[in-house]
Amino acid sequence: MNKIVEVARGPWAGAIGEVIAVSNVLKIRTRDGEKILVNPAHVVEVEVHLAASAPDEHPADFSHSGVGIGGLATYEEAPVIPSVQALERVQQMHDTDVICRRCGASKNFDGAMFTTGGGNVCDDCF
């Protein structure tokens, strides 16, 4: 297995690949198969952990973790279970709610105001 290097400077900065030829310039084959020529002073050797990543996996690919694009469908949030007090508060809001006869907007849940007209007609409809 050849050395794996990352280009730190120059026009190919950030590229990671395998060194396939060494002379006064390095010939590197990137993971997408492209071959580039790089100054040996512009590269840094990368430690390869075979158990941690697959050989065809790019280190900046986070799709397996659910963080990057393509992994969002694997993220599941724990459901919110309301407390008894929260359920009682919502029930009290339903019991004391005023609903507009014309548009159906509610005072507690939709924010309709009932200050002007009276008769269960909100200010927007009056």
Protein backbone atom coordinates (compact mmCIF):
# COMPACT_ATOMS: atom_id res chain seq x y z
CA MET A 1 0.00 0.00 0.00
CA ASN A 2 1.35 3.41 -0.96
CA LYS A 3 1.43 6.49 1.21
CA ILE A 4 -1.79 8.49 1.61
CA VAL A 5 -1.20 12.23 1.62
CA GLU A 6 -3.23 15.42 1.85
CA VAL A 7 -2.28 18.50 -0.15
CA ALA A 8 -1.89 21.38 2.30
CA ARG A 9 -0.94 24.25 -0.06
CA GLY A 10 -1.20 25.20 -3.69
CA PRO A 11 -4.02 24.89 -6.20
CA TRP A 12 -4.88 21.34 -5.08
CA ALA A 13 -5.16 22.23 -1.37
CA GLY A 14 -7.50 19.86 0.46
CA ALA A 15 -7.11 16.99 -2.02
CA ILE A 16 -6.40 13.58 -0.49
CA GLY A 17 -4.92 10.74 -2.44
CA GLU A 18 -2.40 7.94 -2.84
CA VAL A 19 1.15 8.64 -4.00
CA ILE A 20 1.75 6.62 -7.19
CA ALA A 21 5.03 8.11 -8.40
CA VAL A 22 7.85 10.02 -6.73
CA SER A 23 10.40 12.24 -8.44
CA ASN A 24 11.01 15.96 -8.01
CA VAL A 25 7.16 16.17 -8.02
CA LEU A 26 4.64 13.72 -6.55
CA LYS A 27 2.05 12.08 -8.73
CA ILE A 28 -1.08 11.54 -6.65
CA ARG A 29 -4.22 9.61 -7.55
CA THR A 30 -7.21 11.12 -5.74
CA ARG A 31 -10.18 9.09 -4.57
CA ASP A 32 -12.24 10.06 -7.60
CA GLY A 33 -9.48 8.67 -9.88
CA GLU A 34 -7.99 12.00 -10.97
CA LYS A 35 -4.19 12.15 -11.19
CA ILE A 36 -2.47 15.36 -10.07
CA LEU A 37 1.13 16.55 -9.85
CA VAL A 38 2.12 18.20 -6.58
CA ASN A 39 5.25 19.72 -5.06
CA PRO A 40 6.50 17.37 -2.28
CA ALA A 41 6.77 20.34 0.12
CA HIS A 42 3.01 20.96 -0.21
CA VAL A 43 1.81 17.58 1.12
CA VAL A 44 1.27 16.13 4.57
CA GLU A 45 1.11 12.40 5.24
CA VAL A 46 -2.28 11.19 6.49
CA GLU A 47 -2.70 8.40 9.03
CA VAL A 48 -5.01 5.71 7.71
CA HIS A 49 -7.24 3.80 10.11
CA LEU A 50 -8.66 0.90 8.17
CA ALA A 51 -11.13 -0.08 10.89
CA ALA A 52 -12.53 3.46 11.19
CA SER A 53 -13.24 4.20 7.53
CA ALA A 54 -13.88 2.30 4.36
CA PRO A 55 -11.19 2.71 1.66
CA ASP A 56 -13.61 4.42 -0.72
CA GLU A 57 -15.00 6.79 1.92
CA HIS A 58 -13.90 10.43 1.97
CA PRO A 59 -13.02 11.75 5.47
CA ALA A 60 -15.27 14.78 4.91
CA ASP A 61 -18.29 12.59 4.13
CA PHE A 62 -20.64 12.62 7.13
CA SER A 63 -23.63 10.98 5.43
CA HIS A 64 -23.33 7.85 7.59
CA SER A 65 -23.70 9.90 10.77
CA GLY A 66 -26.82 11.80 9.79
CA VAL A 67 -25.00 15.13 9.94
CA GLY A 68 -24.34 15.81 6.27
CA ILE A 69 -26.58 15.87 3.23
CA GLY A 70 -27.89 12.43 2.51
CA GLY A 71 -27.96 11.47 6.16
CA LEU A 72 -30.87 13.61 7.26
CA ALA A 73 -33.39 10.84 6.70
CA THR A 74 -31.69 8.69 9.33
CA TYR A 75 -32.10 11.29 12.10
CA GLU A 76 -34.97 10.61 14.49
CA GLU A 77 -35.87 12.87 17.36
CA ALA A 78 -37.35 11.46 20.54
CA PRO A 79 -41.07 12.26 20.82
CA VAL A 80 -42.14 14.93 23.30
CA ILE A 81 -44.43 13.55 25.98
CA PRO A 82 -46.33 16.37 27.70
CA SER A 83 -46.60 16.49 31.46
CA VAL A 84 -49.89 16.35 33.35
CA GLN A 85 -49.61 20.08 34.12
CA ALA A 86 -49.14 20.91 30.42
CA LEU A 87 -52.21 18.86 29.48
CA GLU A 88 -54.29 20.59 32.20
CA ARG A 89 -53.13 24.02 30.99
CA VAL A 90 -54.12 23.29 27.39
CA GLN A 91 -57.49 21.96 28.54
CA GLN A 92 -58.04 25.19 30.55
CA MET A 93 -57.13 27.25 27.45
CA HIS A 94 -59.71 25.29 25.42
CA ASP A 95 -62.36 25.81 28.13
CA THR A 96 -61.84 29.61 28.30
CA ASP A 97 -61.27 30.18 24.58
CA VAL A 98 -63.34 32.64 22.55
CA ILE A 99 -63.83 31.80 18.86
CA CYS A 100 -64.81 34.35 16.21
CA ARG A 101 -68.21 33.63 14.61
CA ARG A 102 -67.07 34.90 11.19
CA CYS A 103 -63.50 33.66 10.59
CA GLY A 104 -63.10 30.94 13.23
CA ALA A 105 -59.95 32.44 14.78
CA SER A 106 -59.50 31.71 18.47
CA LYS A 107 -58.34 34.04 21.21
CA ASN A 108 -55.93 31.66 22.97
CA PHE A 109 -54.51 29.68 20.03
CA ASP A 110 -54.64 32.04 17.02
CA GLY A 111 -54.12 35.33 18.86
CA ALA A 112 -57.36 36.94 17.72
CA MET A 113 -58.32 40.05 19.69
CA PHE A 114 -61.88 40.72 20.88
CA THR A 115 -61.75 44.34 22.12
CA THR A 116 -63.88 46.39 19.73
CA GLY A 117 -67.06 44.75 18.51
CA GLY A 118 -68.21 42.28 21.11
CA GLY A 119 -70.61 39.48 20.28
CA ASN A 120 -67.85 36.95 19.53
CA VAL A 121 -66.58 38.82 16.45
CA CYS A 122 -62.82 39.47 16.40
CA ASP A 123 -61.32 42.90 15.72
CA ASP A 124 -60.15 41.82 12.26
CA CYS A 125 -63.67 40.88 11.18
CA PHE A 126 -65.44 43.85 12.84
